[in-house]
Structures are given as C-alpha cells and as structure tokens.
PDB file of N, CA and C in Angstrom:
ATOM      1  N   LYS A   1       0.826  -1.201   0.000  1.00  0.00           N
ATOM      2  CA  LYS A   1       0.000   0.000   0.000  1.00  0.00           C
ATOM      3  C   LYS A   1       0.874   1.271   0.000  1.00  0.00           C
ATOM      4  N   LYS A   2       0.524   2.190  -0.929  1.00  0.00           N
ATOM      5  CA  LYS A   2       1.284   3.435  -1.031  1.00  0.00           C
ATOM      6  C   LYS A   2       0.784   4.454  -0.014  1.00  0.00           C
ATOM      7  N   LYS A   3       1.701   5.284   0.453  1.00  0.00           N
ATOM      8  CA  LYS A   3       1.325   6.353   1.377  1.00  0.00           C
ATOM      9  C   LYS A   3       0.696   7.488   0.584  1.00  0.00           C
ATOM     10  N   LYS A   4      -0.400   8.065   1.143  1.00  0.00           N
ATOM     11  CA  LYS A   4      -1.032   9.195   0.481  1.00  0.00           C
ATOM     12  C   LYS A   4      -0.238  10.468   0.753  1.00  0.00           C
ATOM     13  N   LYS A   5      -0.018  11.232  -0.315  1.00  0.00           N
ATOM     14  CA  LYS A   5       0.712  12.491  -0.138  1.00  0.00           C
ATOM     15  C   LYS A   5      -0.241  13.550   0.401  1.00  0.00           C
ATOM     16  N   ARG A   6       0.214  14.223   1.425  1.00  0.00           N
ATOM     17  CA  ARG A   6      -0.612  15.255   2.030  1.00  0.00           C
ATOM     18  C   ARG A   6      -0.235  16.641   1.514  1.00  0.00           C
ATOM     19  N   GLY A   7      -1.213  17.537   1.479  1.00  0.00           N
ATOM     20  CA  GLY A   7      -0.956  18.929   1.088  1.00  0.00           C
ATOM     21  C   GLY A   7      -0.918  19.118  -0.416  1.00  0.00           C
ATOM     22  N   LYS A   8      -1.112  20.360  -0.771  1.00  0.00           N
ATOM     23  CA  LYS A   8      -1.157  20.716  -2.184  1.00  0.00           C
ATOM     24  C   LYS A   8       0.249  20.972  -2.689  1.00  0.00           C
ATOM     25  N   LYS A   9       0.538  20.449  -3.854  1.00  0.00           N
ATOM     26  CA  LYS A   9       1.838  20.705  -4.456  1.00  0.00           C
ATOM     27  C   LYS A   9       1.785  22.083  -5.115  1.00  0.00           C
ATOM     28  N   ARG A  10       2.745  22.921  -4.737  1.00  0.00           N
ATOM     29  CA  ARG A  10       2.767  24.256  -5.333  1.00  0.00           C
ATOM     30  C   ARG A  10       3.721  24.290  -6.504  1.00  0.00           C
ATOM     31  N   LYS A  11       3.272  24.930  -7.560  1.00  0.00           N
ATOM     32  CA  LYS A  11       4.140  25.073  -8.724  1.00  0.00           C
ATOM     33  C   LYS A  11       5.211  26.093  -8.396  1.00  0.00           C
ATOM     34  N   ARG A  12       6.445  25.735  -8.673  1.00  0.00           N
ATOM     35  CA  ARG A  12       7.537  26.664  -8.398  1.00  0.00           C
ATOM     36  C   ARG A  12       7.711  27.605  -9.580  1.00  0.00           C
ATOM     37  N   ARG A  13       7.657  28.882  -9.250  1.00  0.00           N
ATOM     38  CA  ARG A  13       7.843  29.884 -10.294  1.00  0.00           C
ATOM     39  C   ARG A  13       9.305  30.221 -10.433  1.00  0.00           C
ATOM     40  N   ARG A  14       9.689  30.512 -11.652  1.00  0.00           N
ATOM     41  CA  ARG A  14      11.051  30.960 -11.855  1.00  0.00           C
ATOM     42  C   ARG A  14      11.235  32.343 -11.250  1.00  0.00           C
ATOM     43  N   ARG A  15      12.475  32.669 -10.906  1.00  0.00           N
ATOM     44  CA  ARG A  15      12.762  33.902 -10.181  1.00  0.00           C
ATOM     45  C   ARG A  15      12.205  35.156 -10.860  1.00  0.00           C
ATOM     46  N   GLY A  16      12.261  35.196 -12.150  1.00  0.00           N
ATOM     47  CA  GLY A  16      11.817  36.391 -12.872  1.00  0.00           C
ATOM     48  C   GLY A  16      10.311  36.565 -12.891  1.00  0.00           C
ATOM     49  N   GLU A  17       9.581  35.490 -12.704  1.00  0.00           N
ATOM     50  CA  GLU A  17       8.120  35.570 -12.811  1.00  0.00           C
ATOM     51  C   GLU A  17       7.435  35.593 -11.459  1.00  0.00           C
ATOM     52  N   ARG A  18       8.033  36.319 -10.539  1.00  0.00           N
ATOM     53  CA  ARG A  18       7.496  36.319  -9.193  1.00  0.00           C
ATOM     54  C   ARG A  18       6.086  36.902  -9.124  1.00  0.00           C
ATOM     55  N   GLU A  19       5.868  37.994  -9.848  1.00  0.00           N
ATOM     56  CA  GLU A  19       4.539  38.611  -9.800  1.00  0.00           C
ATOM     57  C   GLU A  19       3.733  38.265 -11.050  1.00  0.00           C
ATOM     58  N   GLY A  20       2.476  38.039 -10.853  1.00  0.00           N
ATOM     59  CA  GLY A  20       1.597  37.702 -11.956  1.00  0.00           C
ATOM     60  C   GLY A  20       1.261  38.908 -12.802  1.00  0.00           C
ATOM     61  N   LYS A  21       0.483  38.679 -13.873  1.00  0.00           N
ATOM     62  CA  LYS A  21       0.150  39.776 -14.800  1.00  0.00           C
ATOM     63  C   LYS A  21      -0.661  40.854 -14.096  1.00  0.00           C
ATOM     64  N   LYS A  22      -1.645  40.429 -13.283  1.00  0.00           N
ATOM     65  CA  LYS A  22      -2.507  41.412 -12.619  1.00  0.00           C
ATOM     66  C   LYS A  22      -1.721  42.317 -11.698  1.00  0.00           C
ATOM     67  N   GLU A  23      -0.855  41.703 -10.909  1.00  0.00           N
ATOM     68  CA  GLU A  23      -0.054  42.505  -9.977  1.00  0.00           C
ATOM     69  C   GLU A  23       0.864  43.466 -10.741  1.00  0.00           C
ATOM     70  N   LYS A  24       1.415  42.980 -11.842  1.00  0.00           N
ATOM     71  CA  LYS A  24       2.304  43.819 -12.650  1.00  0.00           C
ATOM     72  C   LYS A  24       1.553  45.046 -13.146  1.00  0.00           C
ATOM     73  N   LYS A  25       0.328  44.805 -13.636  1.00  0.00           N
ATOM     74  CA  LYS A  25      -0.484  45.906 -14.160  1.00  0.00           C
ATOM     75  C   LYS A  25      -0.771  46.923 -13.065  1.00  0.00           C
ATOM     76  N   LYS A  26      -1.118  46.407 -11.870  1.00  0.00           N
ATOM     77  CA  LYS A  26      -1.421  47.295 -10.743  1.00  0.00           C
ATOM     78  C   LYS A  26      -0.225  48.169 -10.414  1.00  0.00           C
ATOM     79  N   LYS A  27       0.947  47.524 -10.348  1.00  0.00           N
ATOM     80  CA  LYS A  27       2.168  48.263 -10.015  1.00  0.00           C
ATOM     81  C   LYS A  27       2.443  49.333 -11.048  1.00  0.00           C
ATOM     82  N   GLU A  28       2.273  48.975 -12.315  1.00  0.00           N
ATOM     83  CA  GLU A  28       2.523  49.911 -13.415  1.00  0.00           C
ATOM     84  C   GLU A  28       1.607  51.129 -13.280  1.00  0.00           C
ATOM     85  N   LYS A  29       0.330  50.857 -12.977  1.00  0.00           N
ATOM     86  CA  LYS A  29      -0.652  51.933 -12.841  1.00  0.00           C
ATOM     87  C   LYS A  29      -0.252  52.873 -11.704  1.00  0.00           C
ATOM     88  N   LYS A  30       0.156  52.274 -10.583  1.00  0.00           N
ATOM     89  CA  LYS A  30       0.550  53.047  -9.418  1.00  0.00           C
ATOM     90  C   LYS A  30       1.734  53.939  -9.759  1.00  0.00           C
ATOM     91  N   ARG A  31       2.715  53.351 -10.466  1.00  0.00           N
ATOM     92  CA  ARG A  31       3.934  54.080 -10.818  1.00  0.00           C
ATOM     93  C   ARG A  31       3.607  55.265 -11.716  1.00  0.00           C
ATOM     94  N   LYS A  32       2.725  55.007 -12.702  1.00  0.00           N
ATOM     95  CA  LYS A  32       2.353  56.076 -13.633  1.00  0.00           C
ATOM     96  C   LYS A  32       1.655  57.205 -12.884  1.00  0.00           C
ATOM     97  N   GLY A  33       0.788  56.848 -11.951  1.00  0.00           N
ATOM     98  CA  GLY A  33       0.085  57.841 -11.151  1.00  0.00           C
ATOM     99  C   GLY A  33       1.055  58.699 -10.359  1.00  0.00           C
ATOM    100  N   LYS A  34       2.047  58.031  -9.763  1.00  0.00           N
ATOM    101  CA  LYS A  34       3.043  58.760  -8.973  1.00  0.00           C
ATOM    102  C   LYS A  34       3.814  59.730  -9.844  1.00  0.00           C
ATOM    103  N   GLU A  35       4.191  59.265 -11.036  1.00  0.00           N
ATOM    104  CA  GLU A  35       4.935  60.141 -11.955  1.00  0.00           C
ATOM    105  C   GLU A  35       4.114  61.365 -12.315  1.00  0.00           C
ATOM    106  N   ARG A  36       2.799  61.133 -12.569  1.00  0.00           N
ATOM    107  CA  ARG A  36       1.920  62.234 -12.941  1.00  0.00           C
ATOM    108  C   ARG A  36       1.818  63.242 -11.790  1.00  0.00           C
ATOM    109  N   ASP A  37       1.668  62.708 -10.564  1.00  0.00           N
ATOM    110  CA  ASP A  37       1.585  63.588  -9.398  1.00  0.00           C
ATOM    111  C   ASP A  37       2.837  64.449  -9.263  1.00  0.00           C
ATOM    112  N   LYS A  38       3.988  63.799  -9.490  1.00  0.00           N
ATOM    113  CA  LYS A  38       5.261  64.502  -9.367  1.00  0.00           C
ATOM    114  C   LYS A  38       5.306  65.670 -10.353  1.00  0.00           C
ATOM    115  N   LYS A  39       4.892  65.397 -11.606  1.00  0.00           N
ATOM    116  CA  LYS A  39       4.915  66.430 -12.649  1.00  0.00           C
ATOM    117  C   LYS A  39       3.989  67.581 -12.271  1.00  0.00           C
ATOM    118  N   GLU A  40       2.794  67.232 -11.772  1.00  0.00           N
ATOM    119  CA  GLU A  40       1.832  68.275 -11.406  1.00  0.00           C
ATOM    120  C   GLU A  40       2.357  69.135 -10.266  1.00  0.00           C
ATOM    121  N   ARG A  41       2.995  68.467  -9.283  1.00  0.00           N
ATOM    122  CA  ARG A  41       3.555  69.200  -8.150  1.00  0.00           C
ATOM    123  C   ARG A  41       4.622  70.187  -8.621  1.00  0.00           C
ATOM    124  N   LYS A  42       5.461  69.721  -9.557  1.00  0.00           N
ATOM    125  CA  LYS A  42       6.523  70.584 -10.096  1.00  0.00           C
ATOM    126  C   LYS A  42       5.905  71.798 -10.787  1.00  0.00           C
ATOM    127  N   LYS A  43       4.838  71.539 -11.572  1.00  0.00           N
ATOM    128  CA  LYS A  43       4.166  72.604 -12.313  1.00  0.00           C
ATOM    129  C   LYS A  43       3.629  73.657 -11.340  1.00  0.00           C
ATOM    130  N   ARG A  44       2.961  73.171 -10.281  1.00  0.00           N
ATOM    131  CA  ARG A  44       2.372  74.075  -9.305  1.00  0.00           C
ATOM    132  C   ARG A  44       3.454  74.929  -8.643  1.00  0.00           C
ATOM    133  N   LYS A  45       4.593  74.269  -8.328  1.00  0.00           N
ATOM    134  CA  LYS A  45       5.695  74.975  -7.690  1.00  0.00           C
ATOM    135  C   LYS A  45       6.188  76.097  -8.586  1.00  0.00           C
ATOM    136  N   LYS A  46       6.320  75.800  -9.880  1.00  0.00           N
ATOM    137  CA  LYS A  46       6.802  76.796 -10.840  1.00  0.00           C
ATOM    138  C   LYS A  46       5.851  77.982 -10.876  1.00  0.00           C
ATOM    139  N   GLU A  47       4.549  77.693 -10.901  1.00  0.00           N
ATOM    140  CA  GLU A  47       3.545  78.770 -10.949  1.00  0.00           C
ATOM    141  C   GLU A  47       3.676  79.661  -9.724  1.00  0.00           C
ATOM    142  N   LYS A  48       3.836  79.020  -8.560  1.00  0.00           N
ATOM    143  CA  LYS A  48       3.956  79.780  -7.318  1.00  0.00           C
ATOM    144  C   LYS A  48       5.183  80.681  -7.358  1.00  0.00           C
ATOM    145  N   LYS A  49       6.283  80.135  -7.874  1.00  0.00           N
ATOM    146  CA  LYS A  49       7.517  80.911  -7.965  1.00  0.00           C
ATOM    147  C   LYS A  49       7.285  82.166  -8.800  1.00  0.00           C
ATOM    148  N   GLY A  50       6.591  82.019  -9.901  1.00  0.00           N
ATOM    149  CA  GLY A  50       6.306  83.136 -10.787  1.00  0.00           C
ATOM    150  C   GLY A  50       5.513  84.225 -10.077  1.00  0.00           C
ATOM    151  N   LYS A  51       4.521  83.805  -9.265  1.00  0.00           N
ATOM    152  CA  LYS A  51       3.684  84.768  -8.559  1.00  0.00           C
ATOM    153  C   LYS A  51       4.526  85.620  -7.619  1.00  0.00           C
ATOM    154  N   GLY A  52       5.441  84.996  -6.913  1.00  0.00           N
ATOM    155  CA  GLY A  52       6.315  85.708  -5.985  1.00  0.00           C
ATOM    156  C   GLY A  52       7.156  86.751  -6.697  1.00  0.00           C
ATOM    157  N   LYS A  53       7.620  86.387  -7.863  1.00  0.00           N
ATOM    158  CA  LYS A  53       8.472  87.276  -8.653  1.00  0.00           C
ATOM    159  C   LYS A  53       7.705  88.549  -9.016  1.00  0.00           C
ATOM    160  N   LYS A  54       6.472  88.374  -9.462  1.00  0.00           N
ATOM    161  CA  LYS A  54       5.657  89.527  -9.870  1.00  0.00           C
ATOM    162  C   LYS A  54       5.449  90.464  -8.686  1.00  0.00           C
ATOM    163  N   ARG A  55       5.163  89.865  -7.518  1.00  0.00           N
ATOM    164  CA  ARG A  55       4.924  90.667  -6.330  1.00  0.00           C
ATOM    165  C   ARG A  55       6.157  91.510  -6.005  1.00  0.00           C
ATOM    166  N   LYS A  56       7.335  90.887  -6.126  1.00  0.00           N
ATOM    167  CA  LYS A  56       8.588  91.597  -5.839  1.00  0.00           C
ATOM    168  C   LYS A  56       8.755  92.777  -6.792  1.00  0.00           C
ATOM    169  N   GLU A  57       8.475  92.554  -8.062  1.00  0.00           N
ATOM    170  CA  GLU A  57       8.608  93.625  -9.054  1.00  0.00           C
ATOM    171  C   GLU A  57       7.681  94.792  -8.733  1.00  0.00           C
ATOM    172  N   LYS A  58       6.462  94.470  -8.309  1.00  0.00           N
ATOM    173  CA  LYS A  58       5.501  95.520  -7.969  1.00  0.00           C
ATOM    174  C   LYS A  58       6.020  96.359  -6.810  1.00  0.00           C
ATOM    175  N   LYS A  59       6.562  95.681  -5.791  1.00  0.00           N
ATOM    176  CA  LYS A  59       7.088  96.396  -4.620  1.00  0.00           C
ATOM    177  C   LYS A  59       8.224  97.326  -5.025  1.00  0.00           C
ATOM    178  N   GLU A  60       9.119  96.828  -5.894  1.00  0.00           N
ATOM    179  CA  GLU A  60      10.237  97.653  -6.354  1.00  0.00           C
ATOM    180  C   GLU A  60       9.742  98.890  -7.098  1.00  0.00           C
ATOM    181  N   LYS A  61       8.735  98.708  -7.931  1.00  0.00           N
ATOM    182  CA  LYS A  61       8.164  99.830  -8.683  1.00  0.00           C
ATOM    183  C   LYS A  61       7.613 100.872  -7.712  1.00  0.00           C
ATOM    184  N   LYS A  62       6.920 100.398  -6.683  1.00  0.00           N
ATOM    185  CA  LYS A  62       6.321 101.288  -5.696  1.00  0.00           C
ATOM    186  C   LYS A  62       7.408 102.103  -4.988  1.00  0.00           C
ATOM    187  N   LYS A  63       8.478 101.410  -4.598  1.00  0.00           N
ATOM    188  CA  LYS A  63       9.582 102.093  -3.923  1.00  0.00           C
ATOM    189  C   LYS A  63      10.171 103.179  -4.807  1.00  0.00           C
ATOM    190  N   ARG A  64      10.395 102.850  -6.084  1.00  0.00           N
ATOM    191  CA  ARG A  64      10.954 103.809  -7.035  1.00  0.00           C
ATOM    192  C   ARG A  64      10.065 105.032  -7.171  1.00  0.00           C
ATOM    193  N   ARG A  65       8.749 104.767  -7.242  1.00  0.00           N
ATOM    194  CA  ARG A  65       7.779 105.848  -7.395  1.00  0.00           C
ATOM    195  C   ARG A  65       7.840 106.790  -6.192  1.00  0.00           C
ATOM    196  N   GLU A  66       7.922 106.177  -4.984  1.00  0.00           N
ATOM    197  CA  GLU A  66       7.974 106.992  -3.767  1.00  0.00           C
ATOM    198  C   GLU A  66       9.262 107.808  -3.687  1.00  0.00           C
ATOM    199  N   LYS A  67      10.354 107.222  -4.141  1.00  0.00           N
ATOM    200  CA  LYS A  67      11.639 107.952  -4.138  1.00  0.00           C
ATOM    201  C   LYS A  67      11.554 109.172  -5.041  1.00  0.00           C
ATOM    202  N   ARG A  68      10.924 109.004  -6.213  1.00  0.00           N
ATOM    203  CA  ARG A  68      10.793 110.099  -7.168  1.00  0.00           C
ATOM    204  C   ARG A  68       9.947 111.219  -6.576  1.00  0.00           C
ATOM    205  N   ARG A  69       8.928 110.847  -5.802  1.00  0.00           N
ATOM    206  CA  ARG A  69       8.044 111.850  -5.187  1.00  0.00           C
ATOM    207  C   ARG A  69       8.795 112.706  -4.171  1.00  0.00           C
ATOM    208  N   LYS A  70       9.695 112.054  -3.434  1.00  0.00           N
ATOM    209  CA  LYS A  70      10.454 112.780  -2.410  1.00  0.00           C
ATOM    210  C   LYS A  70      11.433 113.721  -3.104  1.00  0.00           C
TER     211      LYS A  70
END
C-alpha cells in the first residue's frame, strides 16, 4: 500500500516571474500615477515661484515711485 501524499503541491515559479500579470499591471498603474503627481507638483511649484516674482517687481516699482516723489 502506497502512502497518500498530504498537502497541495505548489508550482515553483522561476525567479523572474514572481509577480503575476494582474499585480504587474497594478504596479505599473501606481507608478504612472506617482509620476503624474510629481509632474503636477513641479508645475504648481513653478507657478507659485512666478507669482512671488511679480509681487517683488511691484514692490520695487512702488519704492521707485515713492523715491521720485520725495
């Protein structure tokens, strides 16, 4: 009489195929989202920088105007 094998035999995956197609797709989507967020953040930062510059120019103009008045 043969002994019954217990437990499920798991298929061994090769090292490169650790993650399945679904997981790969999910990771890709996440990565793309992160990249997009990064780009948007950079854009917003640039816009903010520009606003500060304009404000500085206005202040300088005001100072010049007041000096001329004196």
